[in-house]
Amino acid sequence: MNELACLVQQTADRLSGRHVGVVVAGLAGGDVEIRGAGRTGPGGGVPGPHTLFEIGSVTKVFTSLVLARLALDGAVRLDEPLAEVLTGAAGGRAVVPAKGPQPITLRHLATHTSGLPRLPRGMVVQSLMAPNRPDPYADCTAERVLDGLARTRLRTAPGRGFRYSNLGAGLLGLALAQRCGIGYEELVAREVCAPLGLVDTCVRSDPDQSARLAHGHTPGGRPVPYWNLAAVPGMGALRSTAADLVVFLRAQLATEREPDAPLSPAIALTRETRHRVNPFAWTHLGWLGHRLHTQQGGHLQIWHNGGTGGFSSFTAFDPEKQVGVVVLANTRRSADPAGTALLRRLQNGFSAAG
């Protein structure tokens, strides 16, 4: 194996000690290596490039890329109020909470600056009373989510500060689908998957995909059901493969070199939009970004992670160094440290000690 393949396999092997199964991808320049370790589930084989995983909140970068595409096409405006886009989603005009003169906009939802809480109304109490509920978002119908939204109080005024919100991302997906008159899955397929040729990124798996879908597990290794995010899939309902996510990251890395590629203008828009979180970190449309301290190399890292009841995911890239990482695991245990370590190895030209 070449050095990149060895690094990727070593990462997968280490992760498989604490996860039932894992697939890791590394991108460096024009080279890509994808390696798996562990197993897909009870009686399953080693997961590979075309094994499907729930990717959890990595879904949010797809939702925000859809937003950028629709904004460039004139179907929506980044600074369009959420209330205007949601009109009709529940049979009438949605009631959106306010704090100060600035209404919640689509940009606020994609950058987690809306002031909305992390979860839909009622879910915090539900999670405290039933922390091991296998499918916590299954009851999040549009009617229930929008009714709760009308009774929600904002923590901060829109645009003022960063507050990570699953609810906000779910509302963004719901609003965009409402504006376009199609379902969220169909919208992602039309705006992202078709232009890039992604064949296994979906909300609902077809029979062939279901046969390649890994089983999720608790940190203790117990199998758990898949998640159904009902009317708010934009916050975390997508399933995907390492092969598809490699194509997705390649598009992210190629934006400046290939400005005329199908999604390059929209990808550029997602990164042009930035809200400062602290002196070293910020949020784009969908993505989170930070620059390491100069003593750590000063590298740029743009990333997002994800987790569901039985899965964890991590995607990250550096457009300056032209490297990227994908980690997909079928266990509810963070894969971030291993993914970040691999990214730094690639940023340093593979030369750092393991």
Protein backbone atom coordinates (compact mmCIF):
# COMPACT_ATOMS: atom_id res chain seq x y z
CA MET A 1 0.00 0.00 0.00
CA ASN A 2 1.09 3.58 -0.59
CA GLU A 3 1.51 6.00 2.31
CA LEU A 4 -1.98 7.49 1.98
CA ALA A 5 -3.56 4.04 1.92
CA CYS A 6 -1.57 3.02 5.00
CA LEU A 7 -2.66 6.10 6.94
CA VAL A 8 -6.30 5.58 6.03
CA GLN A 9 -6.20 1.87 6.91
CA GLN A 10 -4.46 2.59 10.21
CA THR A 11 -7.17 5.10 11.10
CA ALA A 12 -9.91 2.60 10.23
CA ASP A 13 -8.22 -0.14 12.25
CA ARG A 14 -7.88 2.08 15.31
CA LEU A 15 -11.51 3.18 15.10
CA SER A 16 -12.75 -0.40 14.74
CA GLY A 17 -11.48 -1.06 18.25
CA ARG A 18 -14.23 1.20 19.63
CA HIS A 19 -16.82 1.04 16.82
CA VAL A 20 -18.61 -1.97 15.38
CA GLY A 21 -17.67 -0.94 11.87
CA VAL A 22 -16.09 2.03 10.13
CA VAL A 23 -15.14 3.32 6.69
CA VAL A 24 -12.45 6.00 6.32
CA ALA A 25 -11.53 8.00 3.21
CA GLY A 26 -8.53 10.24 2.69
CA LEU A 27 -8.08 12.71 -0.16
CA ALA A 28 -4.72 14.28 -0.96
CA GLY A 29 -4.22 16.14 -4.19
CA GLY A 30 -5.68 13.89 -6.85
CA ASP A 31 -5.33 10.71 -4.81
CA VAL A 32 -8.12 9.00 -2.88
CA GLU A 33 -8.02 5.98 -0.61
CA ILE A 34 -11.05 4.36 1.07
CA ARG A 35 -10.65 1.60 3.63
CA GLY A 36 -13.01 -0.21 5.97
CA ALA A 37 -12.67 -2.21 9.18
CA GLY A 38 -14.97 -4.07 11.56
CA ARG A 39 -18.37 -5.22 10.35
CA THR A 40 -21.63 -3.78 9.05
CA GLY A 41 -23.67 -5.39 11.81
CA PRO A 42 -24.60 -8.77 13.30
CA GLY A 43 -23.32 -11.39 10.89
CA GLY A 44 -22.21 -8.72 8.42
CA GLY A 45 -18.98 -8.31 6.54
CA VAL A 46 -16.41 -5.51 6.48
CA PRO A 47 -17.98 -2.19 5.39
CA GLY A 48 -16.62 -0.61 2.25
CA PRO A 49 -16.88 2.39 -0.10
CA HIS A 50 -20.49 1.61 -1.05
CA THR A 51 -21.83 0.76 2.43
CA LEU A 52 -24.57 3.19 3.44
CA PHE A 53 -24.52 4.92 6.84
CA GLU A 54 -26.77 7.46 8.49
CA ILE A 55 -24.70 10.65 8.30
CA GLY A 56 -26.68 12.67 10.86
CA SER A 57 -25.84 16.37 10.93
CA VAL A 58 -23.51 16.17 7.93
CA THR A 59 -26.91 16.43 6.22
CA LYS A 60 -26.84 20.13 7.15
CA VAL A 61 -24.12 20.92 4.61
CA PHE A 62 -26.31 19.41 1.88
CA THR A 63 -29.29 21.47 3.08
CA SER A 64 -27.22 24.65 2.99
CA LEU A 65 -25.83 23.85 -0.45
CA VAL A 66 -29.42 23.49 -1.68
CA LEU A 67 -30.09 26.93 -0.18
CA ALA A 68 -27.13 28.40 -2.08
CA ARG A 69 -28.27 26.80 -5.33
CA LEU A 70 -31.80 28.13 -4.96
CA ALA A 71 -30.51 31.58 -4.02
CA LEU A 72 -28.38 31.77 -7.16
CA ASP A 73 -31.37 30.63 -9.23
CA GLY A 74 -33.56 33.34 -7.68
CA ALA A 75 -36.00 30.89 -6.08
CA VAL A 76 -35.19 32.29 -2.62
CA ARG A 77 -33.04 35.04 -1.09
CA LEU A 78 -30.49 34.39 1.64
CA ASP A 79 -31.97 37.25 3.64
CA GLU A 80 -35.58 36.30 2.96
CA PRO A 81 -37.58 36.00 6.20
CA LEU A 82 -38.35 32.44 7.22
CA ALA A 83 -42.02 33.34 7.74
CA GLU A 84 -42.40 34.26 4.06
CA VAL A 85 -40.89 30.99 2.83
CA LEU A 86 -42.83 28.83 5.28
CA THR A 87 -46.20 30.27 4.30
CA GLY A 88 -48.47 27.37 3.40
CA ALA A 89 -46.36 24.68 5.09
CA ALA A 90 -49.09 24.07 7.64
CA GLY A 91 -52.09 25.36 5.74
CA GLY A 92 -51.49 29.05 6.41
CA ARG A 93 -48.92 31.65 7.41
CA ALA A 94 -46.40 30.29 9.88
CA VAL A 95 -45.88 32.17 13.15
CA VAL A 96 -42.14 32.68 13.63
CA PRO A 97 -40.80 34.05 16.93
CA ALA A 98 -39.01 37.38 16.96
CA LYS A 99 -36.62 39.27 19.22
CA GLY A 100 -35.88 42.80 18.09
CA PRO A 101 -36.49 44.29 14.63
CA GLN A 102 -34.56 41.70 12.58
CA PRO A 103 -36.67 38.67 11.54
CA ILE A 104 -35.19 35.19 11.26
CA THR A 105 -33.89 34.71 7.71
CA LEU A 106 -32.71 31.70 5.74
CA ARG A 107 -29.12 32.88 6.19
CA HIS A 108 -29.59 32.83 9.97
CA LEU A 109 -30.83 29.25 9.86
CA ALA A 110 -27.87 28.05 7.76
CA THR A 111 -25.29 29.78 9.97
CA HIS A 112 -26.91 28.90 13.34
CA THR A 113 -27.46 32.57 14.17
CA SER A 114 -31.28 32.53 14.34
CA GLY A 115 -31.49 32.53 18.14
CA LEU A 116 -33.60 29.36 18.01
CA PRO A 117 -32.98 26.60 20.59
CA ARG A 118 -31.15 23.43 19.70
CA LEU A 119 -34.25 21.20 19.63
CA PRO A 120 -37.94 21.58 18.72
CA ARG A 121 -40.22 22.63 21.55
CA GLY A 122 -40.96 19.77 23.95
CA MET A 123 -37.99 17.61 22.95
CA VAL A 124 -35.73 18.64 25.80
CA VAL A 125 -38.25 17.38 28.37
CA GLN A 126 -38.84 14.30 26.24
CA SER A 127 -35.11 13.53 26.08
CA LEU A 128 -34.81 13.90 29.85
CA MET A 129 -37.77 11.62 30.54
CA ALA A 130 -36.89 9.05 27.87
CA PRO A 131 -33.18 9.47 27.08
CA ASN A 132 -32.96 6.11 25.31
CA ARG A 133 -35.97 6.56 23.06
CA PRO A 134 -34.93 4.83 19.83
CA ASP A 135 -36.43 7.30 17.32
CA PRO A 136 -36.76 10.72 18.99
CA TYR A 137 -37.79 12.78 15.94
CA ALA A 138 -40.41 10.41 14.54
CA ASP A 139 -43.29 12.56 15.83
CA CYS A 140 -41.94 15.79 14.34
CA THR A 141 -44.70 16.40 11.81
CA ALA A 142 -44.85 19.79 10.10
CA GLU A 143 -47.93 20.70 12.13
CA ARG A 144 -46.28 19.80 15.43
CA VAL A 145 -42.98 21.53 14.63
CA LEU A 146 -44.64 24.74 13.44
CA ASP A 147 -47.05 24.78 16.38
CA GLY A 148 -44.06 24.49 18.71
CA LEU A 149 -42.20 27.16 16.73
CA ALA A 150 -45.04 29.63 17.32
CA ARG A 151 -44.62 29.12 21.09
CA THR A 152 -40.80 29.23 21.08
CA ARG A 153 -38.80 32.09 22.61
CA LEU A 154 -35.55 33.16 20.98
CA ARG A 155 -32.43 33.03 23.14
CA THR A 156 -30.77 35.91 21.27
CA ALA A 157 -31.78 38.35 18.55
CA PRO A 158 -31.35 36.89 15.02
CA GLY A 159 -27.92 37.55 13.59
CA ARG A 160 -26.32 38.45 16.91
CA GLY A 161 -24.63 35.23 18.00
CA PHE A 162 -23.87 31.62 17.15
CA ARG A 163 -26.13 29.00 18.77
CA TYR A 164 -26.13 25.58 17.13
CA SER A 165 -29.71 24.61 16.29
CA ASN A 166 -30.99 21.34 14.89
CA LEU A 167 -34.41 22.97 14.85
CA GLY A 168 -33.13 25.78 12.64
CA ALA A 169 -31.64 23.39 10.09
CA GLY A 170 -34.80 21.30 10.10
CA LEU A 171 -36.90 24.41 9.45
CA LEU A 172 -34.56 25.42 6.63
CA GLY A 173 -35.07 22.08 4.86
CA LEU A 174 -38.82 22.27 5.43
CA ALA A 175 -38.99 25.85 4.10
CA LEU A 176 -36.94 25.14 0.97
CA ALA A 177 -39.00 22.07 0.12
CA GLN A 178 -42.17 24.10 0.68
CA ARG A 179 -40.98 26.88 -1.64
CA CYS A 180 -40.08 24.39 -4.38
CA GLY A 181 -43.22 22.29 -3.99
CA ILE A 182 -41.37 18.97 -3.68
CA GLY A 183 -40.08 16.78 -0.86
CA TYR A 184 -36.73 17.38 0.82
CA GLU A 185 -35.20 14.17 -0.55
CA GLU A 186 -36.26 15.05 -4.09
CA LEU A 187 -34.89 18.56 -3.65
CA VAL A 188 -31.45 17.31 -2.57
CA ALA A 189 -31.45 14.81 -5.42
CA ARG A 190 -32.26 17.54 -7.95
CA GLU A 191 -29.96 20.26 -6.65
CA VAL A 192 -26.94 18.30 -5.38
CA CYS A 193 -26.93 14.59 -6.15
CA ALA A 194 -27.79 14.77 -9.86
CA PRO A 195 -25.22 17.46 -10.74
CA LEU A 196 -22.46 15.61 -8.86
CA GLY A 197 -23.51 12.08 -9.84
CA LEU A 198 -24.12 10.94 -6.26
CA VAL A 199 -26.00 7.65 -6.48
CA ASP A 200 -26.34 6.58 -2.83
CA THR A 201 -27.20 9.77 -0.93
CA CYS A 202 -30.82 9.54 0.12
CA VAL A 203 -33.36 9.67 2.93
CA ARG A 204 -35.17 6.45 2.05
CA SER A 205 -33.09 3.54 0.79
CA ASP A 206 -34.27 1.46 -2.16
CA PRO A 207 -33.98 -2.35 -1.95
CA ASP A 208 -30.43 -2.40 -3.34
CA GLN A 209 -29.31 0.35 -0.96
CA SER A 210 -31.05 -1.30 1.98
CA ALA A 211 -29.01 -4.43 1.34
CA ARG A 212 -25.86 -2.29 1.70
CA LEU A 213 -27.07 -0.29 4.71
CA ALA A 214 -25.03 -0.79 7.86
CA HIS A 215 -26.82 -1.47 11.15
CA GLY A 216 -26.50 1.16 13.88
CA HIS A 217 -25.30 0.43 17.41
CA THR A 218 -25.10 2.03 20.83
CA PRO A 219 -21.66 2.72 22.31
CA GLY A 220 -22.02 -0.64 24.05
CA GLY A 221 -22.56 -2.46 20.74
CA ARG A 222 -26.32 -3.03 21.00
CA PRO A 223 -28.20 -2.78 17.65
CA VAL A 224 -30.66 0.13 17.46
CA PRO A 225 -33.35 1.16 14.94
CA TYR A 226 -32.72 3.67 12.19
CA TRP A 227 -33.93 7.23 12.69
CA ASN A 228 -36.90 8.84 10.97
CA LEU A 229 -36.78 12.64 11.05
CA ALA A 230 -40.32 13.03 9.70
CA ALA A 231 -40.91 16.63 8.52
CA VAL A 232 -37.45 17.94 9.47
CA PRO A 233 -35.03 15.78 7.43
CA GLY A 234 -32.85 18.80 6.65
CA MET A 235 -31.28 18.59 10.11
CA GLY A 236 -29.94 15.05 9.79
CA ALA A 237 -31.89 12.46 7.80
CA LEU A 238 -29.56 11.67 4.91
CA ARG A 239 -27.83 8.35 4.39
CA SER A 240 -24.72 8.17 2.24
CA THR A 241 -21.55 6.26 1.44
CA ALA A 242 -17.88 7.07 1.62
CA ALA A 243 -17.77 6.90 -2.18
CA ASP A 244 -20.46 9.58 -2.52
CA LEU A 245 -18.97 11.80 0.16
CA VAL A 246 -15.57 11.64 -1.53
CA VAL A 247 -17.19 13.01 -4.69
CA PHE A 248 -18.88 15.68 -2.56
CA LEU A 249 -15.57 16.71 -0.96
CA ARG A 250 -13.80 16.70 -4.31
CA ALA A 251 -16.35 19.25 -5.50
CA GLN A 252 -15.59 21.36 -2.42
CA LEU A 253 -11.86 21.19 -3.10
CA ALA A 254 -12.20 21.97 -6.82
CA THR A 255 -14.34 25.10 -6.53
CA GLU A 256 -11.54 27.62 -7.10
CA ARG A 257 -9.77 25.54 -9.75
CA GLU A 258 -12.97 24.73 -11.63
CA PRO A 259 -15.27 27.76 -11.24
CA ASP A 260 -17.51 26.60 -14.09
CA ALA A 261 -18.22 23.15 -12.61
CA PRO A 262 -21.95 22.56 -11.98
CA LEU A 263 -21.95 23.32 -8.25
CA SER A 264 -18.90 25.59 -7.98
CA PRO A 265 -20.85 28.90 -7.84
CA ALA A 266 -23.12 27.56 -5.09
CA ILE A 267 -20.21 26.06 -3.14
CA ALA A 268 -18.37 29.38 -3.40
CA LEU A 269 -21.45 31.16 -2.04
CA THR A 270 -21.62 28.84 0.96
CA ARG A 271 -18.03 29.74 1.86
CA GLU A 272 -18.32 33.46 1.09
CA THR A 273 -20.99 33.63 3.77
CA ARG A 274 -19.32 33.72 7.16
CA HIS A 275 -20.30 34.52 10.75
CA ARG A 276 -17.47 34.89 13.23
CA VAL A 277 -17.83 32.70 16.34
CA ASN A 278 -14.52 33.62 18.01
CA PRO A 279 -11.10 34.90 16.83
CA PHE A 280 -10.20 31.50 15.37
CA ALA A 281 -13.56 29.99 14.32
CA TRP A 282 -16.55 30.85 12.18
CA THR A 283 -19.57 29.31 10.51
CA HIS A 284 -20.30 29.24 6.78
CA LEU A 285 -23.59 28.24 5.22
CA GLY A 286 -23.72 24.73 6.68
CA TRP A 287 -20.02 24.22 7.33
CA LEU A 288 -18.02 25.10 10.42
CA GLY A 289 -14.53 26.49 9.99
CA HIS A 290 -11.45 27.37 12.00
CA ARG A 291 -7.78 28.04 11.50
CA LEU A 292 -5.26 26.33 13.73
CA HIS A 293 -2.82 28.39 15.75
CA THR A 294 0.44 29.05 13.95
CA GLN A 295 2.21 26.79 16.44
CA GLN A 296 -0.04 23.98 15.16
CA GLY A 297 0.68 24.79 11.53
CA GLY A 298 -1.91 27.52 10.91
CA HIS A 299 -3.94 25.20 8.68
CA LEU A 300 -7.50 25.87 7.59
CA GLN A 301 -10.06 23.22 8.56
CA ILE A 302 -13.63 23.27 7.26
CA TRP A 303 -15.71 20.52 8.78
CA HIS A 304 -18.94 19.06 10.05
CA ASN A 305 -19.72 16.01 12.13
CA GLY A 306 -22.89 14.04 12.70
CA GLY A 307 -24.53 11.48 14.92
CA THR A 308 -27.79 9.56 15.17
CA GLY A 309 -28.95 6.86 17.54
CA GLY A 310 -26.54 4.30 16.10
CA PHE A 311 -24.13 6.16 13.80
CA SER A 312 -21.41 8.81 13.82
CA SER A 313 -19.78 10.72 10.98
CA PHE A 314 -17.08 13.28 10.32
CA THR A 315 -16.19 15.18 7.15
CA ALA A 316 -13.48 17.80 6.82
CA PHE A 317 -11.28 19.40 4.21
CA ASP A 318 -8.65 22.07 3.60
CA PRO A 319 -9.03 23.83 0.23
CA GLU A 320 -5.58 25.42 0.63
CA LYS A 321 -3.74 22.11 1.05
CA GLN A 322 -6.24 20.20 -1.17
CA VAL A 323 -6.83 17.43 1.36
CA GLY A 324 -9.95 15.97 2.91
CA VAL A 325 -11.25 13.25 5.21
CA VAL A 326 -14.45 11.21 5.56
CA VAL A 327 -15.19 8.95 8.54
CA LEU A 328 -18.40 6.91 8.77
CA ALA A 329 -19.09 4.60 11.71
CA ASN A 330 -22.07 2.47 12.70
CA THR A 331 -21.73 3.16 16.42
CA ARG A 332 -22.97 6.16 18.41
CA ARG A 333 -19.50 7.23 19.52
CA SER A 334 -17.66 10.27 18.19
CA ALA A 335 -15.23 9.72 15.34
CA ASP A 336 -14.04 13.34 15.43
CA PRO A 337 -10.65 12.86 17.13
CA ALA A 338 -9.51 10.19 14.67
CA GLY A 339 -10.84 12.15 11.70
CA THR A 340 -9.16 15.35 12.85
CA ALA A 341 -5.88 13.55 13.46
CA LEU A 342 -5.94 12.10 9.95
CA LEU A 343 -6.72 15.50 8.45
CA ARG A 344 -3.75 17.05 10.23
CA ARG A 345 -1.48 14.27 8.99
CA LEU A 346 -2.59 15.01 5.44
CA GLN A 347 -2.18 18.76 5.94
CA ASN A 348 1.36 18.19 7.16
CA GLY A 349 2.24 16.15 4.09
CA PHE A 350 1.95 12.82 5.97
CA SER A 351 5.22 13.55 7.75
CA ALA A 352 4.03 13.89 11.36
CA ALA A 353 4.33 10.96 13.72
CA GLY A 354 1.27 8.78 14.15
